[in-house]
PDB file of N, CA and C in Angstrom:
ATOM      1  N   ALA A   1     -29.180  18.322 -15.054  1.00  0.00           N
ATOM      2  CA  ALA A   1     -30.085  18.858 -16.045  1.00  0.00           C
ATOM      3  C   ALA A   1     -31.497  19.024 -15.482  1.00  0.00           C
ATOM      4  N   THR A   2     -31.876  18.164 -14.501  1.00  0.00           N
ATOM      5  CA  THR A   2     -33.235  18.216 -13.969  1.00  0.00           C
ATOM      6  C   THR A   2     -33.344  19.048 -12.699  1.00  0.00           C
ATOM      7  N   GLY A   3     -32.226  19.361 -12.075  1.00  0.00           N
ATOM      8  CA  GLY A   3     -32.252  20.073 -10.797  1.00  0.00           C
ATOM      9  C   GLY A   3     -32.497  19.145  -9.621  1.00  0.00           C
ATOM     10  N   GLU A   4     -32.518  17.835  -9.871  1.00  0.00           N
ATOM     11  CA  GLU A   4     -32.742  16.852  -8.810  1.00  0.00           C
ATOM     12  C   GLU A   4     -31.555  16.839  -7.850  1.00  0.00           C
ATOM     13  N   GLU A   5     -31.846  16.826  -6.542  1.00  0.00           N
ATOM     14  CA  GLU A   5     -30.799  16.785  -5.524  1.00  0.00           C
ATOM     15  C   GLU A   5     -30.015  15.474  -5.647  1.00  0.00           C
ATOM     16  N   GLN A   6     -28.695  15.570  -5.614  1.00  0.00           N
ATOM     17  CA  GLN A   6     -27.837  14.391  -5.741  1.00  0.00           C
ATOM     18  C   GLN A   6     -27.393  13.879  -4.377  1.00  0.00           C
ATOM     19  N   TRP A   7     -27.068  14.787  -3.471  1.00  0.00           N
ATOM     20  CA  TRP A   7     -26.691  14.417  -2.119  1.00  0.00           C
ATOM     21  C   TRP A   7     -26.833  15.626  -1.201  1.00  0.00           C
ATOM     22  N   LYS A   8     -26.884  15.365   0.100  1.00  0.00           N
ATOM     23  CA  LYS A   8     -26.979  16.419   1.106  1.00  0.00           C
ATOM     24  C   LYS A   8     -26.107  16.007   2.286  1.00  0.00           C
ATOM     25  N   GLU A   9     -25.296  16.942   2.785  1.00  0.00           N
ATOM     26  CA  GLU A   9     -24.388  16.640   3.889  1.00  0.00           C
ATOM     27  C   GLU A   9     -24.156  17.928   4.677  1.00  0.00           C
ATOM     28  N   ARG A  10     -24.026  17.819   5.978  1.00  0.00           N
ATOM     29  CA  ARG A  10     -23.727  18.987   6.813  1.00  0.00           C
ATOM     30  C   ARG A  10     -22.219  19.108   6.999  1.00  0.00           C
ATOM     31  N   SER A  11     -21.721  20.345   6.959  1.00  0.00           N
ATOM     32  CA  SER A  11     -20.284  20.572   7.089  1.00  0.00           C
ATOM     33  C   SER A  11     -19.842  20.662   8.543  1.00  0.00           C
ATOM     34  N   GLY A  12     -20.749  21.035   9.422  1.00  0.00           N
ATOM     35  CA  GLY A  12     -20.392  21.151  10.825  1.00  0.00           C
ATOM     36  C   GLY A  12     -19.969  22.552  11.238  1.00  0.00           C
ATOM     37  N   SER A  13     -19.841  23.464  10.282  1.00  0.00           N
ATOM     38  CA  SER A  13     -19.485  24.840  10.638  1.00  0.00           C
ATOM     39  C   SER A  13     -20.309  25.811   9.782  1.00  0.00           C
ATOM     40  N   PRO A  14     -20.642  26.980  10.357  1.00  0.00           N
ATOM     41  CA  PRO A  14     -21.430  27.949   9.576  1.00  0.00           C
ATOM     42  C   PRO A  14     -20.627  28.484   8.395  1.00  0.00           C
ATOM     43  N   MET A  15     -21.309  28.700   7.287  1.00  0.00           N
ATOM     44  CA  MET A  15     -20.658  29.177   6.063  1.00  0.00           C
ATOM     45  C   MET A  15     -20.878  30.666   5.874  1.00  0.00           C
ATOM     46  N   ARG A  16     -19.839  31.350   5.431  1.00  0.00           N
ATOM     47  CA  ARG A  16     -19.942  32.756   5.043  1.00  0.00           C
ATOM     48  C   ARG A  16     -19.625  32.898   3.563  1.00  0.00           C
ATOM     49  N   ALA A  17     -18.678  32.125   3.089  1.00  0.00           N
ATOM     50  CA  ALA A  17     -18.242  32.210   1.698  1.00  0.00           C
ATOM     51  C   ALA A  17     -19.118  31.338   0.802  1.00  0.00           C
ATOM     52  N   SER A  18     -19.224  31.726  -0.453  1.00  0.00           N
ATOM     53  CA  SER A  18     -19.960  30.929  -1.436  1.00  0.00           C
ATOM     54  C   SER A  18     -19.160  29.686  -1.788  1.00  0.00           C
ATOM     55  N   PRO A  19     -19.835  28.568  -2.066  1.00  0.00           N
ATOM     56  CA  PRO A  19     -19.112  27.377  -2.525  1.00  0.00           C
ATOM     57  C   PRO A  19     -18.430  27.668  -3.865  1.00  0.00           C
ATOM     58  N   LEU A  20     -17.379  26.937  -4.139  1.00  0.00           N
ATOM     59  CA  LEU A  20     -16.633  27.140  -5.381  1.00  0.00           C
ATOM     60  C   LEU A  20     -16.368  25.788  -6.023  1.00  0.00           C
ATOM     61  N   ALA A  21     -16.757  25.627  -7.266  1.00  0.00           N
ATOM     62  CA  ALA A  21     -16.457  24.418  -8.026  1.00  0.00           C
ATOM     63  C   ALA A  21     -15.296  24.708  -8.959  1.00  0.00           C
ATOM     64  N   SER A  22     -14.292  23.844  -8.933  1.00  0.00           N
ATOM     65  CA  SER A  22     -13.131  23.998  -9.801  1.00  0.00           C
ATOM     66  C   SER A  22     -12.610  22.605 -10.142  1.00  0.00           C
ATOM     67  N   GLY A  23     -12.547  22.326 -11.425  1.00  0.00           N
ATOM     68  CA  GLY A  23     -12.103  20.995 -11.851  1.00  0.00           C
ATOM     69  C   GLY A  23     -13.060  19.931 -11.353  1.00  0.00           C
ATOM     70  N   ASP A  24     -12.519  18.924 -10.687  1.00  0.00           N
ATOM     71  CA  ASP A  24     -13.349  17.822 -10.189  1.00  0.00           C
ATOM     72  C   ASP A  24     -13.620  17.939  -8.694  1.00  0.00           C
ATOM     73  N   ARG A  25     -13.519  19.154  -8.159  1.00  0.00           N
ATOM     74  CA  ARG A  25     -13.722  19.369  -6.724  1.00  0.00           C
ATOM     75  C   ARG A  25     -14.661  20.542  -6.454  1.00  0.00           C
ATOM     76  N   VAL A  26     -15.293  20.490  -5.280  1.00  0.00           N
ATOM     77  CA  VAL A  26     -16.107  21.602  -4.798  1.00  0.00           C
ATOM     78  C   VAL A  26     -15.571  21.981  -3.430  1.00  0.00           C
ATOM     79  N   TYR A  27     -15.342  23.276  -3.230  1.00  0.00           N
ATOM     80  CA  TYR A  27     -14.763  23.798  -2.000  1.00  0.00           C
ATOM     81  C   TYR A  27     -15.816  24.568  -1.217  1.00  0.00           C
ATOM     82  N   PHE A  28     -15.937  24.246   0.075  1.00  0.00           N
ATOM     83  CA  PHE A  28     -16.813  24.966   0.986  1.00  0.00           C
ATOM     84  C   PHE A  28     -15.937  25.516   2.102  1.00  0.00           C
ATOM     85  N   PHE A  29     -16.111  26.801   2.441  1.00  0.00           N
ATOM     86  CA  PHE A  29     -15.290  27.421   3.473  1.00  0.00           C
ATOM     87  C   PHE A  29     -16.164  27.920   4.608  1.00  0.00           C
ATOM     88  N   GLY A  30     -15.896  27.415   5.808  1.00  0.00           N
ATOM     89  CA  GLY A  30     -16.641  27.822   6.987  1.00  0.00           C
ATOM     90  C   GLY A  30     -16.119  29.121   7.548  1.00  0.00           C
ATOM     91  N   LYS A  31     -16.983  29.810   8.244  1.00  0.00           N
ATOM     92  CA  LYS A  31     -16.612  31.076   8.886  1.00  0.00           C
ATOM     93  C   LYS A  31     -15.451  30.874   9.850  1.00  0.00           C
ATOM     94  N   ASP A  32     -15.355  29.696  10.454  1.00  0.00           N
ATOM     95  CA  ASP A  32     -14.327  29.415  11.457  1.00  0.00           C
ATOM     96  C   ASP A  32     -12.966  29.057  10.858  1.00  0.00           C
ATOM     97  N   GLY A  33     -12.829  29.070   9.538  1.00  0.00           N
ATOM     98  CA  GLY A  33     -11.548  28.769   8.905  1.00  0.00           C
ATOM     99  C   GLY A  33     -11.398  27.329   8.455  1.00  0.00           C
ATOM    100  N   LYS A  34     -12.433  26.527   8.648  1.00  0.00           N
ATOM    101  CA  LYS A  34     -12.384  25.125   8.219  1.00  0.00           C
ATOM    102  C   LYS A  34     -12.903  25.016   6.785  1.00  0.00           C
ATOM    103  N   ALA A  35     -12.159  24.301   5.965  1.00  0.00           N
ATOM    104  CA  ALA A  35     -12.577  24.059   4.584  1.00  0.00           C
ATOM    105  C   ALA A  35     -13.069  22.622   4.466  1.00  0.00           C
ATOM    106  N   THR A  36     -14.033  22.414   3.606  1.00  0.00           N
ATOM    107  CA  THR A  36     -14.495  21.069   3.280  1.00  0.00           C
ATOM    108  C   THR A  36     -14.378  20.933   1.767  1.00  0.00           C
ATOM    109  N   ILE A  37     -13.594  19.961   1.335  1.00  0.00           N
ATOM    110  CA  ILE A  37     -13.362  19.741  -0.093  1.00  0.00           C
ATOM    111  C   ILE A  37     -13.971  18.401  -0.448  1.00  0.00           C
ATOM    112  N   VAL A  38     -14.885  18.413  -1.421  1.00  0.00           N
ATOM    113  CA  VAL A  38     -15.566  17.193  -1.832  1.00  0.00           C
ATOM    114  C   VAL A  38     -15.416  17.006  -3.336  1.00  0.00           C
ATOM    115  N   ALA A  39     -15.605  15.777  -3.772  1.00  0.00           N
ATOM    116  CA  ALA A  39     -15.570  15.469  -5.198  1.00  0.00           C
ATOM    117  C   ALA A  39     -16.830  16.026  -5.851  1.00  0.00           C
ATOM    118  N   ALA A  40     -16.681  16.572  -7.039  1.00  0.00           N
ATOM    119  CA  ALA A  40     -17.827  17.045  -7.815  1.00  0.00           C
ATOM    120  C   ALA A  40     -18.421  15.831  -8.519  1.00  0.00           C
ATOM    121  N   SER A  41     -19.226  15.084  -7.755  1.00  0.00           N
ATOM    122  CA  SER A  41     -19.786  13.838  -8.280  1.00  0.00           C
ATOM    123  C   SER A  41     -21.218  13.653  -7.789  1.00  0.00           C
ATOM    124  N   ARG A  42     -21.863  12.636  -8.272  1.00  0.00           N
ATOM    125  CA  ARG A  42     -23.256  12.372  -7.911  1.00  0.00           C
ATOM    126  C   ARG A  42     -23.405  11.800  -6.508  1.00  0.00           C
ATOM    127  N   SER A  43     -22.312  11.330  -5.902  1.00  0.00           N
ATOM    128  CA  SER A  43     -22.357  10.830  -4.534  1.00  0.00           C
ATOM    129  C   SER A  43     -21.384  11.640  -3.683  1.00  0.00           C
ATOM    130  N   TYR A  44     -21.671  11.757  -2.390  1.00  0.00           N
ATOM    131  CA  TYR A  44     -20.828  12.540  -1.486  1.00  0.00           C
ATOM    132  C   TYR A  44     -19.519  11.804  -1.246  1.00  0.00           C
ATOM    133  N   THR A  45     -18.413  12.439  -1.628  1.00  0.00           N
ATOM    134  CA  THR A  45     -17.082  11.888  -1.392  1.00  0.00           C
ATOM    135  C   THR A  45     -16.217  12.984  -0.801  1.00  0.00           C
ATOM    136  N   LEU A  46     -15.923  12.873   0.491  1.00  0.00           N
ATOM    137  CA  LEU A  46     -15.085  13.845   1.184  1.00  0.00           C
ATOM    138  C   LEU A  46     -13.631  13.631   0.773  1.00  0.00           C
ATOM    139  N   ILE A  47     -12.957  14.700   0.343  1.00  0.00           N
ATOM    140  CA  ILE A  47     -11.552  14.615  -0.044  1.00  0.00           C
ATOM    141  C   ILE A  47     -10.657  15.072   1.106  1.00  0.00           C
ATOM    142  N   ALA A  48     -10.991  16.202   1.720  1.00  0.00           N
ATOM    143  CA  ALA A  48     -10.172  16.722   2.816  1.00  0.00           C
ATOM    144  C   ALA A  48     -10.947  17.774   3.591  1.00  0.00           C
ATOM    145  N   GLN A  49     -10.485  18.041   4.834  1.00  0.00           N
ATOM    146  CA  GLN A  49     -11.049  19.111   5.648  1.00  0.00           C
ATOM    147  C   GLN A  49      -9.922  19.880   6.333  1.00  0.00           C
ATOM    148  N   PRO A  50      -9.146  20.635   5.559  1.00  0.00           N
ATOM    149  CA  PRO A  50      -8.062  21.418   6.164  1.00  0.00           C
ATOM    150  C   PRO A  50      -8.609  22.600   6.954  1.00  0.00           C
ATOM    151  N   GLU A  51      -7.812  23.084   7.894  1.00  0.00           N
ATOM    152  CA  GLU A  51      -8.193  24.247   8.691  1.00  0.00           C
ATOM    153  C   GLU A  51      -7.142  25.335   8.512  1.00  0.00           C
ATOM    154  N   LEU A  52      -7.604  26.546   8.176  1.00  0.00           N
ATOM    155  CA  LEU A  52      -6.693  27.680   8.010  1.00  0.00           C
ATOM    156  C   LEU A  52      -6.435  28.385   9.337  1.00  0.00           C
ATOM    157  N   GLY A  53      -7.252  28.120  10.341  1.00  0.00           N
ATOM    158  CA  GLY A  53      -7.015  28.668  11.665  1.00  0.00           C
ATOM    159  C   GLY A  53      -7.414  30.122  11.837  1.00  0.00           C
ATOM    160  N   GLU A  54      -8.065  30.694  10.849  1.00  0.00           N
ATOM    161  CA  GLU A  54      -8.512  32.083  10.919  1.00  0.00           C
ATOM    162  C   GLU A  54      -9.894  32.195  10.308  1.00  0.00           C
ATOM    163  N   GLU A  55     -10.630  33.197  10.726  1.00  0.00           N
ATOM    164  CA  GLU A  55     -11.944  33.458  10.173  1.00  0.00           C
ATOM    165  C   GLU A  55     -11.840  33.789   8.686  1.00  0.00           C
ATOM    166  N   ILE A  56     -12.638  33.127   7.874  1.00  0.00           N
ATOM    167  CA  ILE A  56     -12.683  33.402   6.435  1.00  0.00           C
ATOM    168  C   ILE A  56     -13.746  34.461   6.204  1.00  0.00           C
ATOM    169  N   ILE A  57     -13.369  35.556   5.543  1.00  0.00           N
ATOM    170  CA  ILE A  57     -14.273  36.704   5.450  1.00  0.00           C
ATOM    171  C   ILE A  57     -14.733  37.011   4.032  1.00  0.00           C
ATOM    172  N   ALA A  58     -14.363  36.186   3.066  1.00  0.00           N
ATOM    173  CA  ALA A  58     -14.776  36.443   1.680  1.00  0.00           C
ATOM    174  C   ALA A  58     -14.845  35.126   0.919  1.00  0.00           C
ATOM    175  N   SER A  59     -15.561  35.118  -0.172  1.00  0.00           N
ATOM    176  CA  SER A  59     -15.622  33.931  -1.015  1.00  0.00           C
ATOM    177  C   SER A  59     -14.281  33.733  -1.708  1.00  0.00           C
ATOM    178  N   PRO A  60     -13.879  32.483  -1.936  1.00  0.00           N
ATOM    179  CA  PRO A  60     -12.609  32.228  -2.617  1.00  0.00           C
ATOM    180  C   PRO A  60     -12.688  32.622  -4.090  1.00  0.00           C
ATOM    181  N   ALA A  61     -11.523  32.748  -4.689  1.00  0.00           N
ATOM    182  CA  ALA A  61     -11.440  33.101  -6.109  1.00  0.00           C
ATOM    183  C   ALA A  61     -10.444  32.174  -6.791  1.00  0.00           C
ATOM    184  N   VAL A  62     -10.628  31.977  -8.090  1.00  0.00           N
ATOM    185  CA  VAL A  62      -9.722  31.151  -8.881  1.00  0.00           C
ATOM    186  C   VAL A  62      -9.061  32.025  -9.928  1.00  0.00           C
ATOM    187  N   ALA A  63      -7.747  31.851 -10.082  1.00  0.00           N
ATOM    188  CA  ALA A  63      -6.996  32.515 -11.146  1.00  0.00           C
ATOM    189  C   ALA A  63      -6.038  31.478 -11.706  1.00  0.00           C
ATOM    190  N   GLY A  64      -6.229  31.123 -12.966  1.00  0.00           N
ATOM    191  CA  GLY A  64      -5.413  30.061 -13.562  1.00  0.00           C
ATOM    192  C   GLY A  64      -5.685  28.760 -12.838  1.00  0.00           C
ATOM    193  N   ASN A  65      -4.640  28.135 -12.314  1.00  0.00           N
ATOM    194  CA  ASN A  65      -4.785  26.890 -11.555  1.00  0.00           C
ATOM    195  C   ASN A  65      -4.672  27.112 -10.057  1.00  0.00           C
ATOM    196  N   ASP A  66      -4.770  28.348  -9.613  1.00  0.00           N
ATOM    197  CA  ASP A  66      -4.596  28.679  -8.207  1.00  0.00           C
ATOM    198  C   ASP A  66      -5.910  29.104  -7.558  1.00  0.00           C
ATOM    199  N   LEU A  67      -6.029  28.790  -6.276  1.00  0.00           N
ATOM    200  CA  LEU A  67      -7.181  29.168  -5.480  1.00  0.00           C
ATOM    201  C   LEU A  67      -6.708  30.213  -4.469  1.00  0.00           C
ATOM    202  N   TYR A  68      -7.441  31.315  -4.364  1.00  0.00           N
ATOM    203  CA  TYR A  68      -7.104  32.379  -3.415  1.00  0.00           C
ATOM    204  C   TYR A  68      -8.186  32.456  -2.356  1.00  0.00           C
ATOM    205  N   VAL A  69      -7.754  32.430  -1.089  1.00  0.00           N
ATOM    206  CA  VAL A  69      -8.680  32.475   0.036  1.00  0.00           C
ATOM    207  C   VAL A  69      -8.268  33.620   0.950  1.00  0.00           C
ATOM    208  N   ARG A  70      -9.215  34.495   1.264  1.00  0.00           N
ATOM    209  CA  ARG A  70      -8.948  35.632   2.145  1.00  0.00           C
ATOM    210  C   ARG A  70      -9.484  35.331   3.543  1.00  0.00           C
ATOM    211  N   THR A  71      -8.594  35.415   4.515  1.00  0.00           N
ATOM    212  CA  THR A  71      -8.994  35.279   5.908  1.00  0.00           C
ATOM    213  C   THR A  71      -8.939  36.660   6.551  1.00  0.00           C
ATOM    214  N   LYS A  72      -9.191  36.714   7.829  1.00  0.00           N
ATOM    215  CA  LYS A  72      -9.197  37.999   8.526  1.00  0.00           C
ATOM    216  C   LYS A  72      -7.844  38.709   8.437  1.00  0.00           C
ATOM    217  N   ASN A  73      -6.746  37.944   8.443  1.00  0.00           N
ATOM    218  CA  ASN A  73      -5.412  38.555   8.469  1.00  0.00           C
ATOM    219  C   ASN A  73      -4.508  38.216   7.302  1.00  0.00           C
ATOM    220  N   HIS A  74      -4.910  37.299   6.434  1.00  0.00           N
ATOM    221  CA  HIS A  74      -4.031  36.848   5.368  1.00  0.00           C
ATOM    222  C   HIS A  74      -4.809  36.590   4.070  1.00  0.00           C
ATOM    223  N   ILE A  75      -4.067  36.488   2.978  1.00  0.00           N
ATOM    224  CA  ILE A  75      -4.595  35.970   1.728  1.00  0.00           C
ATOM    225  C   ILE A  75      -3.735  34.759   1.377  1.00  0.00           C
ATOM    226  N   TYR A  76      -4.376  33.618   1.190  1.00  0.00           N
ATOM    227  CA  TYR A  76      -3.673  32.388   0.873  1.00  0.00           C
ATOM    228  C   TYR A  76      -3.810  32.062  -0.597  1.00  0.00           C
ATOM    229  N   ARG A  77      -2.713  31.654  -1.202  1.00  0.00           N
ATOM    230  CA  ARG A  77      -2.712  31.127  -2.560  1.00  0.00           C
ATOM    231  C   ARG A  77      -2.496  29.636  -2.435  1.00  0.00           C
ATOM    232  N   ILE A  78      -3.414  28.839  -2.956  1.00  0.00           N
ATOM    233  CA  ILE A  78      -3.323  27.400  -2.885  1.00  0.00           C
ATOM    234  C   ILE A  78      -3.167  26.893  -4.313  1.00  0.00           C
ATOM    235  N   GLY A  79      -2.042  26.231  -4.571  1.00  0.00           N
ATOM    236  CA  GLY A  79      -1.764  25.733  -5.912  1.00  0.00           C
ATOM    237  C   GLY A  79      -0.406  25.078  -5.955  1.00  0.00           C
ATOM    238  N   GLU A  80       0.012  24.696  -7.128  1.00  0.00           N
ATOM    239  CA  GLU A  80       1.336  24.088  -7.303  1.00  0.00           C
ATOM    240  C   GLU A  80       2.370  25.154  -7.558  1.00  0.00           C
ATOM    241  N   LYS A  81       3.622  24.864  -7.201  1.00  0.00           N
ATOM    242  CA  LYS A  81       4.716  25.800  -7.479  1.00  0.00           C
ATOM    243  C   LYS A  81       4.950  25.916  -8.938  1.00  0.00           C
TER     244      LYS A  81
END
């Protein structure tokens, strides 16, 4: 509500895509294909750092409960079956 910074952390890779908040998580996607997933909380809590292995060229999108990520050669759908 105040705009006060809650935490600051470096991801280690340059970002091209916009961050995405969904549910209780925030997703950051590096240009190099590395994702950083953190808890949407007042303190920095790293959840995972998966690598897609390809350059990410667009911001991710959410549809329903699925996350869509576009890389240079593929579009990934991340979600439950």
